[in-house]
N, C-alpha and C. Protein backbone atom coordinates (compact mmCIF):
# COMPACT_ATOMS: atom_id res chain seq x y z
N MET A 1 -7.44 -6.81 -10.15
CA MET A 1 -7.27 -6.95 -9.02
C MET A 1 -8.39 -6.36 -8.38
N MET A 2 -8.27 -7.54 -6.57
CA MET A 2 -9.65 -7.55 -5.96
C MET A 2 -9.15 -6.41 -5.01
N HIS A 3 -10.41 -5.55 -4.64
CA HIS A 3 -10.48 -4.48 -3.75
C HIS A 3 -11.46 -4.33 -2.48
N LEU A 4 -11.88 -5.44 -2.60
CA LEU A 4 -12.91 -6.01 -1.12
C LEU A 4 -13.43 -4.87 -0.78
N ILE A 5 -13.45 -4.40 0.42
CA ILE A 5 -14.36 -3.59 0.29
C ILE A 5 -13.31 -1.79 1.05
N PHE A 6 -12.52 -2.01 0.80
CA PHE A 6 -11.33 -0.37 0.66
C PHE A 6 -11.77 0.06 -0.81
N LYS A 7 -12.62 1.43 -0.29
CA LYS A 7 -13.19 2.52 -1.19
C LYS A 7 -13.36 3.62 -0.04
N PRO A 8 -12.66 5.05 -0.18
CA PRO A 8 -11.97 5.37 -1.51
C PRO A 8 -10.36 4.87 -0.42
N TYR A 9 -10.32 3.94 -0.81
CA TYR A 9 -8.01 3.95 0.09
C TYR A 9 -7.31 3.74 -0.87
N VAL A 10 -6.26 4.03 -0.74
CA VAL A 10 -4.64 3.81 -1.46
C VAL A 10 -4.21 2.32 -0.73
N TYR A 11 -3.75 1.71 -2.33
CA TYR A 11 -3.05 0.73 -1.68
C TYR A 11 -1.27 0.57 -2.06
N VAL A 12 -0.79 0.48 -1.43
CA VAL A 12 0.79 0.72 -1.25
C VAL A 12 1.51 -0.31 -1.29
N TYR A 13 2.25 -0.34 -2.44
CA TYR A 13 2.51 -2.05 -3.00
C TYR A 13 4.84 -1.24 -2.68
N HIS A 14 5.43 -2.18 -1.88
CA HIS A 14 6.68 -1.62 -2.12
C HIS A 14 7.89 -2.42 -2.77
N ALA A 15 8.59 -1.76 -3.51
CA ALA A 15 9.56 -2.52 -4.76
C ALA A 15 10.32 -3.76 -4.07
N THR A 16 10.58 -4.62 -4.29
CA THR A 16 11.31 -5.59 -3.40
C THR A 16 12.20 -5.88 -4.48
N SER A 17 13.17 -6.72 -4.68
CA SER A 17 14.27 -7.17 -5.93
C SER A 17 13.99 -7.33 -6.69
N MET A 18 12.38 -8.33 -7.09
CA MET A 18 12.17 -8.78 -8.18
C MET A 18 10.50 -8.39 -7.85
N GLN A 19 10.10 -7.97 -7.64
CA GLN A 19 8.76 -7.52 -8.11
C GLN A 19 8.13 -6.64 -6.65
N TYR A 20 6.33 -5.85 -6.86
CA TYR A 20 6.64 -5.13 -5.48
C TYR A 20 5.60 -6.08 -4.79
N VAL A 21 5.50 -5.90 -3.73
CA VAL A 21 4.38 -6.98 -2.66
C VAL A 21 3.57 -5.61 -1.85
N LEU A 22 2.19 -6.13 -1.42
CA LEU A 22 1.18 -5.35 -1.35
C LEU A 22 1.52 -5.41 0.72
N ALA A 23 2.08 -3.28 0.56
CA ALA A 23 2.33 -3.70 2.22
C ALA A 23 1.40 -2.49 2.82
N ALA A 24 0.76 -2.32 2.22
CA ALA A 24 -0.61 -1.66 2.93
C ALA A 24 -1.80 -1.46 2.48
N VAL A 25 -2.86 -1.15 3.34
CA VAL A 25 -3.89 -0.37 2.43
C VAL A 25 -4.21 0.82 3.46
N VAL A 26 -4.46 2.15 3.36
CA VAL A 26 -4.79 3.37 3.78
C VAL A 26 -6.02 3.76 3.78
N ALA A 27 -6.60 4.57 5.00
CA ALA A 27 -7.84 4.89 4.58
C ALA A 27 -7.97 6.50 4.65
N THR A 28 -8.08 6.86 2.52
CA THR A 28 -7.67 7.87 2.80
C THR A 28 -7.31 7.90 0.67
N SER A 29 -8.45 8.65 0.42
CA SER A 29 -7.92 8.67 -1.54
C SER A 29 -7.00 9.25 -1.41
N ASP A 30 -6.47 10.68 -0.78
CA ASP A 30 -4.91 11.92 -0.91
C ASP A 30 -3.62 11.05 -0.68
N LEU A 31 -2.66 10.87 -2.47
CA LEU A 31 -1.91 9.80 -2.29
C LEU A 31 -0.61 10.93 -0.81
N GLU A 32 -0.94 12.17 -1.30
CA GLU A 32 0.73 12.47 -0.12
C GLU A 32 -0.44 11.90 1.37
N VAL A 33 -0.71 11.53 1.90
CA VAL A 33 -1.31 11.70 3.09
C VAL A 33 -1.14 9.64 3.45
N ALA A 34 -0.68 9.58 2.33
CA ALA A 34 -0.77 7.47 2.06
C ALA A 34 0.17 7.31 2.48
N PHE A 35 1.44 8.13 1.73
CA PHE A 35 2.66 8.33 1.59
C PHE A 35 3.09 8.25 3.51
N ALA A 36 3.01 9.47 3.66
CA ALA A 36 3.17 10.16 5.34
C ALA A 36 2.70 8.93 6.19
N ASP A 37 1.85 8.66 6.18
CA ASP A 37 1.25 7.46 6.96
C ASP A 37 2.15 6.03 7.03
N THR A 38 2.82 5.91 5.96
CA THR A 38 3.20 4.72 5.78
C THR A 38 5.06 4.91 5.92
N ASN A 39 5.39 6.13 6.63
CA ASN A 39 6.82 6.05 6.70
C ASN A 39 6.86 6.56 8.43
N THR A 40 8.06 5.47 8.63
CA THR A 40 8.27 5.12 9.99
C THR A 40 8.28 6.65 10.88
N GLY A 41 8.05 6.99 11.81
CA GLY A 41 8.25 8.34 12.64
C GLY A 41 6.55 9.21 12.36
N SER A 42 5.95 9.15 11.48
CA SER A 42 4.64 10.19 11.59
C SER A 42 3.53 9.44 11.87
N THR A 43 3.82 8.41 12.90
CA THR A 43 2.97 8.41 14.33
C THR A 43 3.02 9.60 15.29
N ALA A 44 1.77 9.79 16.42
CA ALA A 44 2.02 10.81 17.36
C ALA A 44 3.55 10.58 18.21
N ASP A 45 3.73 8.89 18.71
CA ASP A 45 4.77 9.05 19.52
C ASP A 45 5.98 8.65 18.70
N GLY A 46 5.86 9.04 16.89
CA GLY A 46 6.75 8.75 16.19
C GLY A 46 7.69 7.26 16.70
N GLY A 47 6.59 6.20 16.73
CA GLY A 47 7.01 5.10 16.02
C GLY A 47 6.75 4.76 14.92
N HIS A 48 6.53 2.93 14.55
CA HIS A 48 6.31 2.25 13.38
C HIS A 48 4.86 2.92 12.41
N TRP A 49 5.48 3.19 11.64
CA TRP A 49 4.30 3.63 10.57
C TRP A 49 3.12 2.49 10.78
N ARG A 50 3.59 1.29 10.90
CA ARG A 50 2.08 0.36 11.21
C ARG A 50 1.04 0.37 12.11
N ASN A 51 1.47 1.12 12.89
CA ASN A 51 0.70 1.80 14.22
C ASN A 51 -0.33 2.86 13.92
N ASN A 52 -0.43 3.91 12.92
CA ASN A 52 -0.45 4.96 12.38
C ASN A 52 -2.64 4.23 11.96
N ARG A 53 -3.10 5.19 12.51
CA ARG A 53 -3.99 4.65 12.90
C ARG A 53 -4.64 4.87 11.17
N GLY A 54 -5.50 4.59 10.33
CA GLY A 54 -6.56 3.87 9.85
C GLY A 54 -5.37 2.93 8.61
N VAL A 55 -3.81 2.52 8.85
CA VAL A 55 -3.29 1.58 8.16
C VAL A 55 -3.35 0.28 8.17
N LEU A 56 -3.38 -0.30 7.22
CA LEU A 56 -4.14 -1.79 7.26
C LEU A 56 -2.78 -2.95 7.28
N SER A 57 -1.73 -3.01 7.87
CA SER A 57 -0.24 -3.31 7.31
C SER A 57 -0.64 -4.95 6.89
N THR A 58 -0.21 -5.71 5.66
CA THR A 58 -0.13 -6.56 5.19
C THR A 58 1.52 -7.32 6.50
N LEU A 59 2.20 -6.57 6.54
CA LEU A 59 2.98 -7.27 7.14
C LEU A 59 3.99 -8.15 5.82
N ALA A 60 4.16 -7.46 4.88
CA ALA A 60 4.93 -7.58 3.76
C ALA A 60 6.12 -7.78 3.59
N SER A 61 6.06 -6.01 4.11
CA SER A 61 6.93 -5.22 4.37
C SER A 61 7.09 -4.45 5.17
N ARG A 62 8.45 -4.30 5.92
CA ARG A 62 8.16 -3.31 7.72
C ARG A 62 8.55 -2.07 7.31
N ARG A 63 9.59 -1.74 5.76
CA ARG A 63 10.08 -0.26 5.60
C ARG A 63 8.75 0.58 4.94
N SER A 64 9.34 1.78 5.20
CA SER A 64 8.35 3.07 4.81
C SER A 64 8.85 3.19 3.08
N THR A 65 7.36 4.06 3.01
CA THR A 65 7.22 4.06 1.81
C THR A 65 8.68 4.29 1.30
N SER A 66 8.87 4.37 0.07
CA SER A 66 9.88 6.00 -0.42
C SER A 66 10.00 5.45 -2.11
N VAL A 67 10.86 6.42 -2.39
CA VAL A 67 11.37 6.20 -3.79
C VAL A 67 10.91 5.22 -4.90
N GLY A 68 10.70 5.15 -5.63
CA GLY A 68 9.93 3.58 -6.51
C GLY A 68 9.23 2.78 -6.14
N ASP A 69 8.41 2.99 -5.13
CA ASP A 69 7.47 2.90 -4.81
C ASP A 69 6.26 2.80 -5.42
N ILE A 70 4.81 2.48 -5.64
CA ILE A 70 3.79 2.56 -6.18
C ILE A 70 2.72 2.15 -5.67
N LEU A 71 1.64 3.64 -4.88
CA LEU A 71 0.31 3.95 -4.70
C LEU A 71 -0.58 3.71 -6.13
N GLU A 72 -1.43 2.67 -5.41
CA GLU A 72 -2.86 2.50 -6.30
C GLU A 72 -3.90 2.71 -5.27
N ARG A 73 -4.63 4.62 -6.12
CA ARG A 73 -5.65 4.73 -6.06
C ARG A 73 -6.97 4.79 -6.95
N ASP A 74 -7.81 4.32 -7.48
CA ASP A 74 -9.20 3.94 -8.12
C ASP A 74 -8.90 3.45 -9.03
N GLY A 75 -8.24 2.03 -9.08
CA GLY A 75 -6.97 1.17 -9.91
C GLY A 75 -6.76 1.98 -10.78
N ARG A 76 -5.87 3.25 -10.66
CA ARG A 76 -4.63 4.08 -11.03
C ARG A 76 -3.34 3.73 -10.12
N LEU A 77 -2.20 3.60 -10.52
CA LEU A 77 -1.55 3.06 -10.37
C LEU A 77 -0.09 4.64 -10.29
N TYR A 78 0.51 5.22 -9.43
CA TYR A 78 1.17 6.08 -9.22
C TYR A 78 2.86 5.44 -8.70
N LEU A 79 3.88 6.52 -9.41
CA LEU A 79 4.71 6.04 -8.81
C LEU A 79 5.60 6.61 -8.05
N VAL A 80 5.91 6.57 -6.50
CA VAL A 80 6.78 7.37 -5.71
C VAL A 80 8.00 7.86 -6.37
N GLU A 81 7.66 9.27 -6.17
CA GLU A 81 8.83 10.43 -7.20
C GLU A 81 9.68 10.88 -6.19
N PRO A 82 10.95 11.20 -6.46
CA PRO A 82 11.84 12.38 -5.16
C PRO A 82 11.00 13.33 -4.73
N THR A 83 9.83 14.50 -5.57
CA THR A 83 8.91 15.40 -5.36
C THR A 83 7.74 14.55 -6.54
N GLY A 84 6.49 13.94 -5.11
CA GLY A 84 5.36 13.86 -6.02
C GLY A 84 5.31 12.95 -6.12
N PHE A 85 4.12 12.22 -7.46
CA PHE A 85 4.40 10.98 -7.86
C PHE A 85 3.94 11.57 -9.29
N THR A 86 4.37 9.78 -10.31
CA THR A 86 3.96 9.70 -11.69
C THR A 86 2.71 9.05 -11.90
N VAL A 87 1.84 9.72 -12.89
CA VAL A 87 0.92 8.27 -12.82
C VAL A 87 1.73 6.79 -14.14
N LEU A 88 1.40 5.99 -13.90
CA LEU A 88 1.91 4.56 -14.02
C LEU A 88 1.18 5.04 -15.31
N ARG A 89 1.19 4.21 -16.67
CA ARG A 89 0.27 4.26 -17.93
C ARG A 89 0.67 2.27 -17.89
N MET A 90 0.34 1.45 -17.13
CA MET A 90 0.25 -0.11 -17.54
C MET A 90 -1.25 -1.32 -17.63
N THR A 91 -1.13 -1.83 -18.58
CA THR A 91 -2.12 -2.90 -18.73
C THR A 91 -2.40 -3.16 -17.33
N ARG A 92 -3.86 -4.10 -16.95
CA ARG A 92 -4.07 -5.13 -15.95
C ARG A 92 -2.72 -6.27 -16.01
N ALA A 93 -2.36 -6.55 -16.51
CA ALA A 93 -1.94 -7.88 -16.89
C ALA A 93 -0.34 -7.43 -16.05
N GLU A 94 0.36 -6.12 -16.05
CA GLU A 94 1.55 -5.95 -16.21
C GLU A 94 1.43 -5.11 -14.25
N ARG A 95 0.41 -5.46 -13.84
CA ARG A 95 1.03 -4.74 -12.63
C ARG A 95 0.81 -6.08 -11.54
N ILE A 96 1.74 -6.08 -11.19
CA ILE A 96 2.36 -6.55 -9.96
C ILE A 96 1.79 -8.04 -9.42
N ALA A 97 0.45 -8.25 -10.62
CA ALA A 97 -0.31 -9.22 -10.22
C ALA A 97 0.34 -11.16 -9.44
N THR A 98 1.93 -11.18 -9.69
CA THR A 98 2.07 -12.06 -9.40
C THR A 98 2.59 -11.91 -7.81
N SER A 99 2.84 -10.89 -7.11
CA SER A 99 2.91 -10.88 -5.92
C SER A 99 2.06 -10.52 -5.29
N LEU A 100 0.21 -10.66 -6.03
CA LEU A 100 -0.50 -10.09 -5.23
C LEU A 100 -1.39 -11.02 -4.70
N ARG A 101 -1.81 -12.01 -5.70
CA ARG A 101 -1.73 -12.87 -5.00
C ARG A 101 -1.95 -14.14 -3.77
N SER A 102 -0.34 -13.80 -3.90
CA SER A 102 -0.27 -14.62 -2.55
C SER A 102 -0.43 -13.34 -0.99
N VAL A 103 -0.69 -12.35 -1.06
CA VAL A 103 -0.92 -11.07 -0.70
C VAL A 103 -2.12 -10.81 -0.42
N VAL A 104 -2.98 -11.00 -1.07
CA VAL A 104 -4.57 -10.98 -1.07
C VAL A 104 -5.12 -12.30 -0.15
N GLY A 105 -4.42 -13.08 -0.58
CA GLY A 105 -5.50 -14.63 0.48
C GLY A 105 -4.68 -13.88 2.19
N ARG A 106 -3.72 -13.66 1.82
CA ARG A 106 -2.93 -13.28 3.97
C ARG A 106 -4.43 -11.72 4.36
N LEU A 107 -3.82 -11.25 3.31
CA LEU A 107 -4.70 -9.54 3.76
C LEU A 107 -6.41 -10.24 3.91
N ARG A 108 -7.04 -11.16 3.39
CA ARG A 108 -8.32 -11.71 3.80
C ARG A 108 -8.19 -12.20 5.02
N LYS A 109 -7.37 -13.09 5.23
CA LYS A 109 -7.45 -13.61 6.75
C LYS A 109 -7.21 -12.67 7.65
N PHE A 110 -6.19 -11.79 7.20
CA PHE A 110 -6.08 -10.73 8.67
C PHE A 110 -7.31 -9.81 8.80
N ILE A 111 -7.95 -9.79 7.90
CA ILE A 111 -9.63 -8.92 8.22
C ILE A 111 -10.15 -9.50 8.15
N GLU A 112 -10.55 -10.97 8.80
CA GLU A 112 -11.55 -11.78 8.92
C GLU A 112 -10.93 -12.00 10.47
N ARG A 113 -9.27 -12.39 10.85
CA ARG A 113 -8.99 -11.87 12.34
C ARG A 113 -9.63 -10.56 13.31
N SER A 114 -9.43 -9.72 11.61
CA SER A 114 -9.53 -7.86 13.05
C SER A 114 -11.60 -8.08 13.22
N LYS A 115 -12.08 -8.77 12.27
CA LYS A 115 -14.11 -8.85 12.54
C LYS A 115 -14.09 -9.44 14.02
N SER A 116 -13.61 -10.98 14.10
CA SER A 116 -13.77 -11.49 15.71
C SER A 116 -12.74 -10.77 17.27
């Protein structure tokens, strides 16, 4: 997985019917903060999570982070549980690779547009 310039950031992957998609990159190393910051209603004005400061949305998913989604920090994967997170022990080949290829390309374009 390519991590561009994002450290210490948490990558947020939302489950879809067939795969996981990169939904956001959150400027924190705290999983609880990443979870909270990618939930609608968590903004100061109660608005959508994509408007939160420190959250870079890929626009691949519009819903809030919830149980069954995956957070990645420092190359380790964490499954969102009803209370807390469980470390997933997966090989790189098993990690979400198919869905990430297209999303990383879109993320690169978004970053380039943001710089200008």
